[in-house]
Amino acid sequence: MTENNVVFSRTSAHRDIHSDLERVDAHEIQPEEYEEIPELTEEDFANGVIRRPGLPDQPFGVKPLHGS
């Protein structure tokens, strides 16, 4: 599994959403779309890490440092 690095940009003052939300809302999920990724297991959650910009990584099972 590869790791995605998410870049958070605070340059947009308008907090614009660059997605076609009408198209997203109109999409009906098909049964084959559920087959795209495997179901999460207890092991996945045990090894999970929460990453937030400006805060240290923390294991998934630990209470968050700051409110979400």
Protein backbone atom coordinates (compact mmCIF):
# COMPACT_ATOMS: atom_id res chain seq x y z
CA MET A 1 0.00 0.00 0.00
CA THR A 2 1.37 3.43 -0.89
CA GLU A 3 1.12 6.41 1.39
CA ASN A 4 -0.62 9.55 0.16
CA ASN A 5 0.78 12.85 1.28
CA VAL A 6 -1.99 15.40 1.56
CA VAL A 7 -1.05 19.04 1.21
CA PHE A 8 -3.27 21.50 3.03
CA SER A 9 -3.32 24.97 1.50
CA ARG A 10 -4.51 27.99 3.42
CA THR A 11 -4.15 30.32 0.42
CA SER A 12 -7.82 30.29 -0.61
CA ALA A 13 -9.64 32.97 1.35
CA HIS A 14 -13.01 31.88 -0.05
CA ARG A 15 -12.61 28.19 0.84
CA ASP A 16 -13.90 27.32 -2.62
CA ILE A 17 -14.89 23.74 -3.38
CA HIS A 18 -13.54 22.67 -6.73
CA SER A 19 -15.94 19.77 -7.25
CA ASP A 20 -19.13 19.41 -9.24
CA LEU A 21 -21.35 18.82 -6.20
CA GLU A 22 -24.54 18.47 -8.25
CA ARG A 23 -22.95 15.62 -10.21
CA VAL A 24 -21.66 14.02 -7.00
CA ASP A 25 -25.09 14.28 -5.33
CA ALA A 26 -26.80 12.79 -8.40
CA HIS A 27 -24.48 9.75 -8.49
CA GLU A 28 -26.12 6.52 -7.36
CA ILE A 29 -23.66 4.01 -5.92
CA GLN A 30 -23.73 0.73 -7.81
CA PRO A 31 -23.12 -2.69 -6.20
CA GLU A 32 -19.81 -3.16 -8.06
CA GLU A 33 -18.48 0.05 -6.48
CA TYR A 34 -18.53 -1.67 -3.10
CA GLU A 35 -16.09 -4.24 -4.49
CA GLU A 36 -13.42 -1.62 -5.26
CA ILE A 37 -11.72 -1.80 -1.85
CA PRO A 38 -11.70 -4.48 0.83
CA GLU A 39 -13.63 -4.07 4.06
CA LEU A 40 -11.61 -2.58 6.93
CA THR A 41 -10.53 -5.05 9.59
CA GLU A 42 -9.75 -4.66 13.29
CA GLU A 43 -6.07 -4.95 12.34
CA ASP A 44 -6.43 -1.99 9.96
CA PHE A 45 -7.82 0.16 12.77
CA ALA A 46 -5.16 -1.07 15.22
CA ASN A 47 -2.42 0.07 12.80
CA GLY A 48 -4.15 3.30 11.76
CA VAL A 49 -2.61 6.74 12.31
CA ILE A 50 -4.43 10.08 12.44
CA ARG A 51 -2.53 12.83 10.63
CA ARG A 52 -3.53 16.46 11.04
CA PRO A 53 -1.60 19.46 9.72
CA GLY A 54 0.54 21.06 12.39
CA LEU A 55 0.00 18.25 14.92
CA PRO A 56 2.07 15.13 15.58
CA ASP A 57 0.83 11.81 14.19
CA GLN A 58 -1.14 9.81 16.71
CA PRO A 59 -2.39 6.21 16.78
CA PHE A 60 -6.03 5.81 15.76
CA GLY A 61 -7.18 4.43 19.13
CA VAL A 62 -5.94 7.42 21.13
CA LYS A 63 -8.24 10.30 22.09
CA PRO A 64 -7.58 13.28 19.73
CA LEU A 65 -5.35 16.09 20.97
CA HIS A 66 -7.79 18.74 19.72
CA GLY A 67 -11.48 18.64 18.87
CA SER A 68 -12.30 17.87 15.24
